[in-house]
Amino acid sequence: MPRYLTLIRIDEQKDQDKAPSPELMERMGKLLEEITKAGVMLDTAGLRPTAEGTRVTWADGKLSYTDGPFTETKEVIGGYSLIQAKDKAEALEWTKRFLELHEDHWTITAEVREIAEP
């Protein structure tokens, strides 16, 4: 079965003060339990703010390091999931269900990409 990586993109500058509500966390917990029991979820996690990150760039034969926050970037990866689904339609269905758990004031984009297998 193919594996899919879902990248959860958020506007960190806009959403930095929005902590998930207890109700949202409860709904997420139930969906996580369901997707795990279905044998689909391989791994998932949220990511710490970009202020705690470092970008490493290789350009012109040299490495450079840039400490966060990355203010020039409006949209950042806020979390991810790695699932194993029968096809892209199933991966998109799980992603839809995850996004619909959120309250209306959230703005979240999920990028779903199949992992290239050797």
PDB file of N, CA and C in Angstrom:
ATOM      1  N   MET A   1       0.839  -1.186   0.000  1.00  0.00           N
ATOM      2  CA  MET A   1       0.000   0.000   0.000  1.00  0.00           C
ATOM      3  C   MET A   1       0.882   1.246   0.000  1.00  0.00           C
ATOM      4  N   PRO A   2       0.469   2.267  -0.739  1.00  0.00           N
ATOM      5  CA  PRO A   2       1.266   3.494  -0.782  1.00  0.00           C
ATOM      6  C   PRO A   2       1.214   4.257   0.546  1.00  0.00           C
ATOM      7  N   ARG A   3       2.277   4.990   0.782  1.00  0.00           N
ATOM      8  CA  ARG A   3       2.346   5.859   1.952  1.00  0.00           C
ATOM      9  C   ARG A   3       2.195   7.303   1.493  1.00  0.00           C
ATOM     10  N   TYR A   4       1.601   8.114   2.372  1.00  0.00           N
ATOM     11  CA  TYR A   4       1.362   9.518   2.058  1.00  0.00           C
ATOM     12  C   TYR A   4       1.849  10.384   3.219  1.00  0.00           C
ATOM     13  N   LEU A   5       2.503  11.475   2.871  1.00  0.00           N
ATOM     14  CA  LEU A   5       2.913  12.468   3.855  1.00  0.00           C
ATOM     15  C   LEU A   5       1.978  13.653   3.724  1.00  0.00           C
ATOM     16  N   THR A   6       1.355  14.021   4.821  1.00  0.00           N
ATOM     17  CA  THR A   6       0.499  15.197   4.846  1.00  0.00           C
ATOM     18  C   THR A   6       1.221  16.279   5.631  1.00  0.00           C
ATOM     19  N   LEU A   7       1.470  17.400   4.968  1.00  0.00           N
ATOM     20  CA  LEU A   7       2.111  18.551   5.598  1.00  0.00           C
ATOM     21  C   LEU A   7       1.028  19.551   5.960  1.00  0.00           C
ATOM     22  N   ILE A   8       0.957  19.894   7.220  1.00  0.00           N
ATOM     23  CA  ILE A   8      -0.057  20.827   7.709  1.00  0.00           C
ATOM     24  C   ILE A   8       0.563  22.220   7.722  1.00  0.00           C
ATOM     25  N   ARG A   9       0.044  23.082   6.880  1.00  0.00           N
ATOM     26  CA  ARG A   9       0.577  24.441   6.759  1.00  0.00           C
ATOM     27  C   ARG A   9      -0.321  25.422   7.507  1.00  0.00           C
ATOM     28  N   ILE A  10       0.332  26.298   8.259  1.00  0.00           N
ATOM     29  CA  ILE A  10      -0.385  27.322   9.022  1.00  0.00           C
ATOM     30  C   ILE A  10       0.283  28.670   8.792  1.00  0.00           C
ATOM     31  N   ASP A  11      -0.443  29.728   9.061  1.00  0.00           N
ATOM     32  CA  ASP A  11       0.124  31.070   9.069  1.00  0.00           C
ATOM     33  C   ASP A  11       0.562  31.316  10.504  1.00  0.00           C
ATOM     34  N   GLU A  12       1.833  31.077  10.772  1.00  0.00           N
ATOM     35  CA  GLU A  12       2.338  31.141  12.145  1.00  0.00           C
ATOM     36  C   GLU A  12       2.172  32.523  12.758  1.00  0.00           C
ATOM     37  N   GLN A  13       2.326  33.576  11.959  1.00  0.00           N
ATOM     38  CA  GLN A  13       2.195  34.928  12.490  1.00  0.00           C
ATOM     39  C   GLN A  13       0.752  35.233  12.884  1.00  0.00           C
ATOM     40  N   LYS A  14      -0.192  34.721  12.107  1.00  0.00           N
ATOM     41  CA  LYS A  14      -1.608  34.961  12.392  1.00  0.00           C
ATOM     42  C   LYS A  14      -2.133  34.048  13.505  1.00  0.00           C
ATOM     43  N   ASP A  15      -1.688  32.801  13.495  1.00  0.00           N
ATOM     44  CA  ASP A  15      -2.248  31.798  14.397  1.00  0.00           C
ATOM     45  C   ASP A  15      -1.401  31.504  15.628  1.00  0.00           C
ATOM     46  N   GLN A  16      -0.344  32.277  15.858  1.00  0.00           N
ATOM     47  CA  GLN A  16       0.572  31.939  16.945  1.00  0.00           C
ATOM     48  C   GLN A  16      -0.071  32.012  18.325  1.00  0.00           C
ATOM     49  N   ASP A  17      -1.099  32.813  18.462  1.00  0.00           N
ATOM     50  CA  ASP A  17      -1.732  32.939  19.781  1.00  0.00           C
ATOM     51  C   ASP A  17      -2.968  32.052  19.921  1.00  0.00           C
ATOM     52  N   LYS A  18      -3.230  31.207  18.924  1.00  0.00           N
ATOM     53  CA  LYS A  18      -4.400  30.327  18.964  1.00  0.00           C
ATOM     54  C   LYS A  18      -3.996  28.948  19.470  1.00  0.00           C
ATOM     55  N   ALA A  19      -4.253  28.703  20.705  1.00  0.00           N
ATOM     56  CA  ALA A  19      -4.026  27.360  21.234  1.00  0.00           C
ATOM     57  C   ALA A  19      -5.255  26.528  20.904  1.00  0.00           C
ATOM     58  N   PRO A  20      -5.056  25.259  20.556  1.00  0.00           N
ATOM     59  CA  PRO A  20      -6.219  24.407  20.292  1.00  0.00           C
ATOM     60  C   PRO A  20      -7.104  24.318  21.528  1.00  0.00           C
ATOM     61  N   SER A  21      -8.400  24.417  21.327  1.00  0.00           N
ATOM     62  CA  SER A  21      -9.342  24.331  22.440  1.00  0.00           C
ATOM     63  C   SER A  21      -9.361  22.903  22.976  1.00  0.00           C
ATOM     64  N   PRO A  22      -9.784  22.714  24.225  1.00  0.00           N
ATOM     65  CA  PRO A  22      -9.902  21.355  24.763  1.00  0.00           C
ATOM     66  C   PRO A  22     -10.844  20.495  23.916  1.00  0.00           C
ATOM     67  N   GLU A  23     -11.903  21.103  23.386  1.00  0.00           N
ATOM     68  CA  GLU A  23     -12.842  20.357  22.549  1.00  0.00           C
ATOM     69  C   GLU A  23     -12.173  19.885  21.254  1.00  0.00           C
ATOM     70  N   LEU A  24     -11.355  20.756  20.653  1.00  0.00           N
ATOM     71  CA  LEU A  24     -10.615  20.380  19.448  1.00  0.00           C
ATOM     72  C   LEU A  24      -9.649  19.243  19.753  1.00  0.00           C
ATOM     73  N   MET A  25      -8.951  19.336  20.860  1.00  0.00           N
ATOM     74  CA  MET A  25      -8.004  18.284  21.234  1.00  0.00           C
ATOM     75  C   MET A  25      -8.728  16.958  21.462  1.00  0.00           C
ATOM     76  N   GLU A  26      -9.918  17.016  22.031  1.00  0.00           N
ATOM     77  CA  GLU A  26     -10.697  15.796  22.247  1.00  0.00           C
ATOM     78  C   GLU A  26     -11.114  15.178  20.902  1.00  0.00           C
ATOM     79  N   ARG A  27     -11.578  16.027  19.982  1.00  0.00           N
ATOM     80  CA  ARG A  27     -11.966  15.523  18.654  1.00  0.00           C
ATOM     81  C   ARG A  27     -10.766  14.930  17.917  1.00  0.00           C
ATOM     82  N   MET A  28      -9.616  15.586  18.036  1.00  0.00           N
ATOM     83  CA  MET A  28      -8.399  15.063  17.400  1.00  0.00           C
ATOM     84  C   MET A  28      -8.002  13.719  17.995  1.00  0.00           C
ATOM     85  N   GLY A  29      -8.113  13.599  19.303  1.00  0.00           N
ATOM     86  CA  GLY A  29      -7.780  12.345  19.964  1.00  0.00           C
ATOM     87  C   GLY A  29      -8.652  11.198  19.476  1.00  0.00           C
ATOM     88  N   LYS A  30      -9.940  11.463  19.298  1.00  0.00           N
ATOM     89  CA  LYS A  30     -10.860  10.431  18.812  1.00  0.00           C
ATOM     90  C   LYS A  30     -10.531  10.033  17.377  1.00  0.00           C
ATOM     91  N   LEU A  31     -10.223  11.027  16.521  1.00  0.00           N
ATOM     92  CA  LEU A  31      -9.871  10.708  15.138  1.00  0.00           C
ATOM     93  C   LEU A  31      -8.549   9.950  15.087  1.00  0.00           C
ATOM     94  N   LEU A  32      -7.592  10.347  15.897  1.00  0.00           N
ATOM     95  CA  LEU A  32      -6.310   9.654  15.941  1.00  0.00           C
ATOM     96  C   LEU A  32      -6.496   8.207  16.381  1.00  0.00           C
ATOM     97  N   GLU A  33      -7.351   7.981  17.358  1.00  0.00           N
ATOM     98  CA  GLU A  33      -7.632   6.618  17.803  1.00  0.00           C
ATOM     99  C   GLU A  33      -8.265   5.808  16.667  1.00  0.00           C
ATOM    100  N   GLU A  34      -9.207   6.419  15.962  1.00  0.00           N
ATOM    101  CA  GLU A  34      -9.879   5.720  14.858  1.00  0.00           C
ATOM    102  C   GLU A  34      -8.917   5.375  13.725  1.00  0.00           C
ATOM    103  N   ILE A  35      -8.095   6.338  13.316  1.00  0.00           N
ATOM    104  CA  ILE A  35      -7.188   6.107  12.195  1.00  0.00           C
ATOM    105  C   ILE A  35      -6.073   5.115  12.576  1.00  0.00           C
ATOM    106  N   THR A  36      -5.707   5.096  13.844  1.00  0.00           N
ATOM    107  CA  THR A  36      -4.705   4.134  14.312  1.00  0.00           C
ATOM    108  C   THR A  36      -5.287   2.726  14.335  1.00  0.00           C
ATOM    109  N   LYS A  37      -6.513   2.588  14.862  1.00  0.00           N
ATOM    110  CA  LYS A  37      -7.176   1.275  14.880  1.00  0.00           C
ATOM    111  C   LYS A  37      -7.407   0.745  13.473  1.00  0.00           C
ATOM    112  N   ALA A  38      -7.599   1.645  12.501  1.00  0.00           N
ATOM    113  CA  ALA A  38      -7.814   1.236  11.112  1.00  0.00           C
ATOM    114  C   ALA A  38      -6.511   0.787  10.447  1.00  0.00           C
ATOM    115  N   GLY A  39      -5.384   0.954  11.156  1.00  0.00           N
ATOM    116  CA  GLY A  39      -4.097   0.535  10.608  1.00  0.00           C
ATOM    117  C   GLY A  39      -3.535   1.485   9.571  1.00  0.00           C
ATOM    118  N   VAL A  40      -4.024   2.724   9.557  1.00  0.00           N
ATOM    119  CA  VAL A  40      -3.616   3.701   8.553  1.00  0.00           C
ATOM    120  C   VAL A  40      -2.478   4.600   9.062  1.00  0.00           C
ATOM    121  N   MET A  41      -2.576   5.063  10.300  1.00  0.00           N
ATOM    122  CA  MET A  41      -1.601   6.021  10.835  1.00  0.00           C
ATOM    123  C   MET A  41      -0.266   5.350  11.132  1.00  0.00           C
ATOM    124  N   LEU A  42       0.799   5.912  10.575  1.00  0.00           N
ATOM    125  CA  LEU A  42       2.153   5.444  10.866  1.00  0.00           C
ATOM    126  C   LEU A  42       2.864   6.373  11.848  1.00  0.00           C
ATOM    127  N   ASP A  43       2.631   7.706  11.704  1.00  0.00           N
ATOM    128  CA  ASP A  43       3.256   8.678  12.602  1.00  0.00           C
ATOM    129  C   ASP A  43       2.580  10.031  12.394  1.00  0.00           C
ATOM    130  N   THR A  44       2.540  10.827  13.436  1.00  0.00           N
ATOM    131  CA  THR A  44       2.011  12.185  13.344  1.00  0.00           C
ATOM    132  C   THR A  44       2.561  13.020  14.489  1.00  0.00           C
ATOM    133  N   ALA A  45       2.691  14.323  14.246  1.00  0.00           N
ATOM    134  CA  ALA A  45       3.150  15.229  15.301  1.00  0.00           C
ATOM    135  C   ALA A  45       2.969  16.670  14.850  1.00  0.00           C
ATOM    136  N   GLY A  46       2.847  17.539  15.826  1.00  0.00           N
ATOM    137  CA  GLY A  46       2.916  18.968  15.572  1.00  0.00           C
ATOM    138  C   GLY A  46       4.369  19.386  15.688  1.00  0.00           C
ATOM    139  N   LEU A  47       4.694  20.530  15.152  1.00  0.00           N
ATOM    140  CA  LEU A  47       6.072  21.021  15.199  1.00  0.00           C
ATOM    141  C   LEU A  47       6.164  22.255  16.080  1.00  0.00           C
ATOM    142  N   ARG A  48       7.313  22.423  16.708  1.00  0.00           N
ATOM    143  CA  ARG A  48       7.565  23.601  17.539  1.00  0.00           C
ATOM    144  C   ARG A  48       7.615  24.834  16.633  1.00  0.00           C
ATOM    145  N   PRO A  49       7.430  26.033  17.174  1.00  0.00           N
ATOM    146  CA  PRO A  49       7.435  27.259  16.366  1.00  0.00           C
ATOM    147  C   PRO A  49       8.762  27.468  15.623  1.00  0.00           C
ATOM    148  N   THR A  50       8.687  28.192  14.509  1.00  0.00           N
ATOM    149  CA  THR A  50       9.897  28.453  13.723  1.00  0.00           C
ATOM    150  C   THR A  50      10.940  29.244  14.515  1.00  0.00           C
ATOM    151  N   ALA A  51      10.511  29.958  15.534  1.00  0.00           N
ATOM    152  CA  ALA A  51      11.460  30.701  16.373  1.00  0.00           C
ATOM    153  C   ALA A  51      12.490  29.768  16.998  1.00  0.00           C
ATOM    154  N   GLU A  52      12.145  28.493  17.136  1.00  0.00           N
ATOM    155  CA  GLU A  52      13.053  27.518  17.730  1.00  0.00           C
ATOM    156  C   GLU A  52      13.791  26.699  16.675  1.00  0.00           C
ATOM    157  N   GLY A  53      13.572  27.001  15.405  1.00  0.00           N
ATOM    158  CA  GLY A  53      14.174  26.222  14.335  1.00  0.00           C
ATOM    159  C   GLY A  53      15.372  26.896  13.696  1.00  0.00           C
ATOM    160  N   THR A  54      16.054  26.145  12.866  1.00  0.00           N
ATOM    161  CA  THR A  54      17.191  26.643  12.087  1.00  0.00           C
ATOM    162  C   THR A  54      17.072  26.091  10.679  1.00  0.00           C
ATOM    163  N   ARG A  55      17.238  26.940   9.686  1.00  0.00           N
ATOM    164  CA  ARG A  55      17.283  26.507   8.288  1.00  0.00           C
ATOM    165  C   ARG A  55      18.737  26.343   7.892  1.00  0.00           C
ATOM    166  N   VAL A  56      19.022  25.231   7.234  1.00  0.00           N
ATOM    167  CA  VAL A  56      20.368  24.958   6.736  1.00  0.00           C
ATOM    168  C   VAL A  56      20.270  24.960   5.214  1.00  0.00           C
ATOM    169  N   THR A  57      21.042  25.821   4.563  1.00  0.00           N
ATOM    170  CA  THR A  57      20.986  25.982   3.111  1.00  0.00           C
ATOM    171  C   THR A  57      22.331  25.650   2.490  1.00  0.00           C
ATOM    172  N   TRP A  58      22.276  24.907   1.391  1.00  0.00           N
ATOM    173  CA  TRP A  58      23.465  24.605   0.590  1.00  0.00           C
ATOM    174  C   TRP A  58      23.340  25.407  -0.699  1.00  0.00           C
ATOM    175  N   ALA A  59      24.250  26.367  -0.924  1.00  0.00           N
ATOM    176  CA  ALA A  59      24.219  27.192  -2.136  1.00  0.00           C
ATOM    177  C   ALA A  59      25.644  27.585  -2.505  1.00  0.00           C
ATOM    178  N   ASP A  60      25.955  27.489  -3.768  1.00  0.00           N
ATOM    179  CA  ASP A  60      27.276  27.867  -4.276  1.00  0.00           C
ATOM    180  C   ASP A  60      28.402  27.143  -3.547  1.00  0.00           C
ATOM    181  N   GLY A  61      28.152  25.882  -3.192  1.00  0.00           N
ATOM    182  CA  GLY A  61      29.178  25.076  -2.548  1.00  0.00           C
ATOM    183  C   GLY A  61      29.429  25.396  -1.087  1.00  0.00           C
ATOM    184  N   LYS A  62      28.522  26.149  -0.461  1.00  0.00           N
ATOM    185  CA  LYS A  62      28.708  26.529   0.944  1.00  0.00           C
ATOM    186  C   LYS A  62      27.416  26.304   1.725  1.00  0.00           C
ATOM    187  N   LEU A  63      27.586  25.997   3.008  1.00  0.00           N
ATOM    188  CA  LEU A  63      26.449  25.887   3.916  1.00  0.00           C
ATOM    189  C   LEU A  63      26.221  27.209   4.623  1.00  0.00           C
ATOM    190  N   SER A  64      24.960  27.541   4.830  1.00  0.00           N
ATOM    191  CA  SER A  64      24.645  28.695   5.670  1.00  0.00           C
ATOM    192  C   SER A  64      23.523  28.285   6.612  1.00  0.00           C
ATOM    193  N   TYR A  65      23.484  28.929   7.751  1.00  0.00           N
ATOM    194  CA  TYR A  65      22.499  28.629   8.791  1.00  0.00           C
ATOM    195  C   TYR A  65      21.717  29.901   9.098  1.00  0.00           C
ATOM    196  N   THR A  66      20.398  29.769   9.178  1.00  0.00           N
ATOM    197  CA  THR A  66      19.540  30.896   9.533  1.00  0.00           C
ATOM    198  C   THR A  66      18.648  30.457  10.682  1.00  0.00           C
ATOM    199  N   ASP A  67      18.795  31.125  11.812  1.00  0.00           N
ATOM    200  CA  ASP A  67      17.948  30.818  12.958  1.00  0.00           C
ATOM    201  C   ASP A  67      16.586  31.481  12.791  1.00  0.00           C
ATOM    202  N   GLY A  68      15.551  30.797  13.286  1.00  0.00           N
ATOM    203  CA  GLY A  68      14.198  31.329  13.234  1.00  0.00           C
ATOM    204  C   GLY A  68      14.028  32.443  14.239  1.00  0.00           C
ATOM    205  N   PRO A  69      12.922  33.142  14.232  1.00  0.00           N
ATOM    206  CA  PRO A  69      11.762  32.872  13.380  1.00  0.00           C
ATOM    207  C   PRO A  69      12.013  33.316  11.950  1.00  0.00           C
ATOM    208  N   PHE A  70      11.283  32.724  11.040  1.00  0.00           N
ATOM    209  CA  PHE A  70      11.444  33.014   9.623  1.00  0.00           C
ATOM    210  C   PHE A  70      10.349  33.976   9.207  1.00  0.00           C
ATOM    211  N   THR A  71      10.560  35.249   9.502  1.00  0.00           N
ATOM    212  CA  THR A  71       9.518  36.260   9.313  1.00  0.00           C
ATOM    213  C   THR A  71       9.177  36.489   7.855  1.00  0.00           C
ATOM    214  N   GLU A  72      10.088  36.154   6.939  1.00  0.00           N
ATOM    215  CA  GLU A  72       9.797  36.348   5.519  1.00  0.00           C
ATOM    216  C   GLU A  72       8.825  35.298   4.993  1.00  0.00           C
ATOM    217  N   THR A  73       8.566  34.278   5.783  1.00  0.00           N
ATOM    218  CA  THR A  73       7.663  33.216   5.373  1.00  0.00           C
ATOM    219  C   THR A  73       6.332  33.378   6.077  1.00  0.00           C
ATOM    220  N   LYS A  74       5.273  33.522   5.287  1.00  0.00           N
ATOM    221  CA  LYS A  74       3.953  33.660   5.888  1.00  0.00           C
ATOM    222  C   LYS A  74       3.419  32.304   6.318  1.00  0.00           C
ATOM    223  N   GLU A  75       3.572  31.309   5.468  1.00  0.00           N
ATOM    224  CA  GLU A  75       2.998  29.987   5.721  1.00  0.00           C
ATOM    225  C   GLU A  75       4.123  29.016   6.070  1.00  0.00           C
ATOM    226  N   VAL A  76       3.966  28.285   7.171  1.00  0.00           N
ATOM    227  CA  VAL A  76       4.993  27.343   7.608  1.00  0.00           C
ATOM    228  C   VAL A  76       4.363  25.980   7.879  1.00  0.00           C
ATOM    229  N   ILE A  77       5.212  24.954   7.936  1.00  0.00           N
ATOM    230  CA  ILE A  77       4.753  23.619   8.296  1.00  0.00           C
ATOM    231  C   ILE A  77       4.538  23.600   9.802  1.00  0.00           C
ATOM    232  N   GLY A  78       3.313  23.342  10.222  1.00  0.00           N
ATOM    233  CA  GLY A  78       2.983  23.311  11.643  1.00  0.00           C
ATOM    234  C   GLY A  78       2.887  21.903  12.200  1.00  0.00           C
ATOM    235  N   GLY A  79       2.829  20.905  11.308  1.00  0.00           N
ATOM    236  CA  GLY A  79       2.735  19.517  11.727  1.00  0.00           C
ATOM    237  C   GLY A  79       2.704  18.617  10.507  1.00  0.00           C
ATOM    238  N   TYR A  80       2.633  17.328  10.766  1.00  0.00           N
ATOM    239  CA  TYR A  80       2.635  16.370   9.672  1.00  0.00           C
ATOM    240  C   TYR A  80       1.948  15.088  10.114  1.00  0.00           C
ATOM    241  N   SER A  81       1.603  14.276   9.125  1.00  0.00           N
ATOM    242  CA  SER A  81       1.212  12.901   9.412  1.00  0.00           C
ATOM    243  C   SER A  81       1.762  12.026   8.298  1.00  0.00           C
ATOM    244  N   LEU A  82       2.072  10.815   8.657  1.00  0.00           N
ATOM    245  CA  LEU A  82       2.535   9.804   7.712  1.00  0.00           C
ATOM    246  C   LEU A  82       1.545   8.660   7.809  1.00  0.00           C
ATOM    247  N   ILE A  83       0.826   8.407   6.700  1.00  0.00           N
ATOM    248  CA  ILE A  83      -0.177   7.351   6.713  1.00  0.00           C
ATOM    249  C   ILE A  83       0.079   6.354   5.590  1.00  0.00           C
ATOM    250  N   GLN A  84      -0.525   5.205   5.734  1.00  0.00           N
ATOM    251  CA  GLN A  84      -0.492   4.184   4.699  1.00  0.00           C
ATOM    252  C   GLN A  84      -1.946   3.933   4.304  1.00  0.00           C
ATOM    253  N   ALA A  85      -2.296   4.314   3.091  1.00  0.00           N
ATOM    254  CA  ALA A  85      -3.675   4.215   2.630  1.00  0.00           C
ATOM    255  C   ALA A  85      -3.735   3.410   1.342  1.00  0.00           C
ATOM    256  N   LYS A  86      -4.927   2.903   1.019  1.00  0.00           N
ATOM    257  CA  LYS A  86      -5.054   2.078  -0.189  1.00  0.00           C
ATOM    258  C   LYS A  86      -4.858   2.904  -1.450  1.00  0.00           C
ATOM    259  N   ASP A  87      -5.211   4.218  -1.387  1.00  0.00           N
ATOM    260  CA  ASP A  87      -5.030   5.091  -2.543  1.00  0.00           C
ATOM    261  C   ASP A  87      -5.112   6.548  -2.081  1.00  0.00           C
ATOM    262  N   LYS A  88      -4.912   7.462  -3.038  1.00  0.00           N
ATOM    263  CA  LYS A  88      -4.917   8.881  -2.703  1.00  0.00           C
ATOM    264  C   LYS A  88      -6.294   9.331  -2.208  1.00  0.00           C
ATOM    265  N   ALA A  89      -7.355   8.749  -2.754  1.00  0.00           N
ATOM    266  CA  ALA A  89      -8.708   9.124  -2.316  1.00  0.00           C
ATOM    267  C   ALA A  89      -8.890   8.863  -0.824  1.00  0.00           C
ATOM    268  N   GLU A  90      -8.392   7.726  -0.343  1.00  0.00           N
ATOM    269  CA  GLU A  90      -8.503   7.433   1.088  1.00  0.00           C
ATOM    270  C   GLU A  90      -7.653   8.407   1.904  1.00  0.00           C
ATOM    271  N   ALA A  91      -6.447   8.718   1.424  1.00  0.00           N
ATOM    272  CA  ALA A  91      -5.588   9.678   2.120  1.00  0.00           C
ATOM    273  C   ALA A  91      -6.262  11.045   2.202  1.00  0.00           C
ATOM    274  N   LEU A  92      -6.912  11.451   1.131  1.00  0.00           N
ATOM    275  CA  LEU A  92      -7.607  12.741   1.130  1.00  0.00           C
ATOM    276  C   LEU A  92      -8.826  12.731   2.046  1.00  0.00           C
ATOM    277  N   GLU A  93      -9.502  11.609   2.152  1.00  0.00           N
ATOM    278  CA  GLU A  93     -10.657  11.508   3.046  1.00  0.00           C
ATOM    279  C   GLU A  93     -10.234  11.687   4.504  1.00  0.00           C
ATOM    280  N   TRP A  94      -9.149  11.036   4.918  1.00  0.00           N
ATOM    281  CA  TRP A  94      -8.660  11.203   6.293  1.00  0.00           C
ATOM    282  C   TRP A  94      -8.238  12.656   6.528  1.00  0.00           C
ATOM    283  N   THR A  95      -7.600  13.262   5.531  1.00  0.00           N
ATOM    284  CA  THR A  95      -7.165  14.658   5.655  1.00  0.00           C
ATOM    285  C   THR A  95      -8.369  15.578   5.799  1.00  0.00           C
ATOM    286  N   LYS A  96      -9.392  15.364   5.004  1.00  0.00           N
ATOM    287  CA  LYS A  96     -10.626  16.151   5.085  1.00  0.00           C
ATOM    288  C   LYS A  96     -11.223  16.055   6.486  1.00  0.00           C
ATOM    289  N   ARG A  97     -11.278  14.866   7.006  1.00  0.00           N
ATOM    290  CA  ARG A  97     -11.850  14.672   8.345  1.00  0.00           C
ATOM    291  C   ARG A  97     -11.038  15.415   9.403  1.00  0.00           C
ATOM    292  N   PHE A  98      -9.702  15.400   9.267  1.00  0.00           N
ATOM    293  CA  PHE A  98      -8.844  16.129  10.206  1.00  0.00           C
ATOM    294  C   PHE A  98      -9.115  17.626  10.125  1.00  0.00           C
ATOM    295  N   LEU A  99      -9.161  18.174   8.926  1.00  0.00           N
ATOM    296  CA  LEU A  99      -9.364  19.612   8.773  1.00  0.00           C
ATOM    297  C   LEU A  99     -10.734  20.035   9.299  1.00  0.00           C
ATOM    298  N   GLU A 100     -11.756  19.228   9.063  1.00  0.00           N
ATOM    299  CA  GLU A 100     -13.109  19.585   9.489  1.00  0.00           C
ATOM    300  C   GLU A 100     -13.295  19.560  11.003  1.00  0.00           C
ATOM    301  N   LEU A 101     -12.328  19.007  11.743  1.00  0.00           N
ATOM    302  CA  LEU A 101     -12.395  19.028  13.207  1.00  0.00           C
ATOM    303  C   LEU A 101     -12.199  20.433  13.772  1.00  0.00           C
ATOM    304  N   HIS A 102     -11.525  21.275  13.009  1.00  0.00           N
ATOM    305  CA  HIS A 102     -11.136  22.599  13.488  1.00  0.00           C
ATOM    306  C   HIS A 102     -12.310  23.576  13.477  1.00  0.00           C
ATOM    307  N   GLU A 103     -12.261  24.523  14.423  1.00  0.00           N
ATOM    308  CA  GLU A 103     -13.256  25.574  14.470  1.00  0.00           C
ATOM    309  C   GLU A 103     -13.082  26.480  13.244  1.00  0.00           C
ATOM    310  N   ASP A 104     -14.123  27.268  12.948  1.00  0.00           N
ATOM    311  CA  ASP A 104     -14.128  28.105  11.754  1.00  0.00           C
ATOM    312  C   ASP A 104     -13.035  29.177  11.736  1.00  0.00           C
ATOM    313  N   HIS A 105     -12.535  29.601  12.902  1.00  0.00           N
ATOM    314  CA  HIS A 105     -11.540  30.676  12.906  1.00  0.00           C
ATOM    315  C   HIS A 105     -10.142  30.195  12.492  1.00  0.00           C
ATOM    316  N   TRP A 106      -9.929  28.884  12.356  1.00  0.00           N
ATOM    317  CA  TRP A 106      -8.638  28.362  11.914  1.00  0.00           C
ATOM    318  C   TRP A 106      -8.537  28.458  10.393  1.00  0.00           C
ATOM    319  N   THR A 107      -7.324  28.737   9.916  1.00  0.00           N
ATOM    320  CA  THR A 107      -7.020  28.662   8.488  1.00  0.00           C
ATOM    321  C   THR A 107      -5.849  27.703   8.355  1.00  0.00           C
ATOM    322  N   ILE A 108      -6.108  26.543   7.772  1.00  0.00           N
ATOM    323  CA  ILE A 108      -5.107  25.482   7.678  1.00  0.00           C
ATOM    324  C   ILE A 108      -5.131  24.924   6.262  1.00  0.00           C
ATOM    325  N   THR A 109      -3.946  24.686   5.729  1.00  0.00           N
ATOM    326  CA  THR A 109      -3.827  24.020   4.427  1.00  0.00           C
ATOM    327  C   THR A 109      -3.095  22.701   4.647  1.00  0.00           C
ATOM    328  N   ALA A 110      -3.604  21.653   4.058  1.00  0.00           N
ATOM    329  CA  ALA A 110      -2.944  20.352   4.153  1.00  0.00           C
ATOM    330  C   ALA A 110      -2.474  19.952   2.757  1.00  0.00           C
ATOM    331  N   GLU A 111      -1.208  19.674   2.631  1.00  0.00           N
ATOM    332  CA  GLU A 111      -0.632  19.201   1.370  1.00  0.00           C
ATOM    333  C   GLU A 111      -0.416  17.696   1.495  1.00  0.00           C
ATOM    334  N   VAL A 112      -1.078  16.920   0.659  1.00  0.00           N
ATOM    335  CA  VAL A 112      -0.995  15.460   0.712  1.00  0.00           C
ATOM    336  C   VAL A 112      -0.152  14.997  -0.472  1.00  0.00           C
ATOM    337  N   ARG A 113       0.948  14.278  -0.156  1.00  0.00           N
ATOM    338  CA  ARG A 113       1.851  13.826  -1.218  1.00  0.00           C
ATOM    339  C   ARG A 113       2.217  12.375  -1.006  1.00  0.00           C
ATOM    340  N   GLU A 114       2.146  11.601  -2.084  1.00  0.00           N
ATOM    341  CA  GLU A 114       2.546  10.202  -2.013  1.00  0.00           C
ATOM    342  C   GLU A 114       4.065  10.125  -1.930  1.00  0.00           C
ATOM    343  N   ILE A 115       4.542   9.209  -1.111  1.00  0.00           N
ATOM    344  CA  ILE A 115       5.977   9.009  -0.961  1.00  0.00           C
ATOM    345  C   ILE A 115       6.468   8.132  -2.106  1.00  0.00           C
ATOM    346  N   ALA A 116       7.518   8.563  -2.752  1.00  0.00           N
ATOM    347  CA  ALA A 116       8.098   7.810  -3.856  1.00  0.00           C
ATOM    348  C   ALA A 116       8.799   6.592  -3.282  1.00  0.00           C
ATOM    349  N   GLU A 117       8.347   5.440  -3.689  1.00  0.00           N
ATOM    350  CA  GLU A 117       8.946   4.181  -3.210  1.00  0.00           C
ATOM    351  C   GLU A 117       9.981   3.718  -4.228  1.00  0.00           C
ATOM    352  N   PRO A 118      11.080   3.116  -3.755  1.00  0.00           N
ATOM    353  CA  PRO A 118      12.115   2.664  -4.690  1.00  0.00           C
ATOM    354  C   PRO A 118      11.645   1.562  -5.601  1.00  0.00           C
TER     355      PRO A 118
END
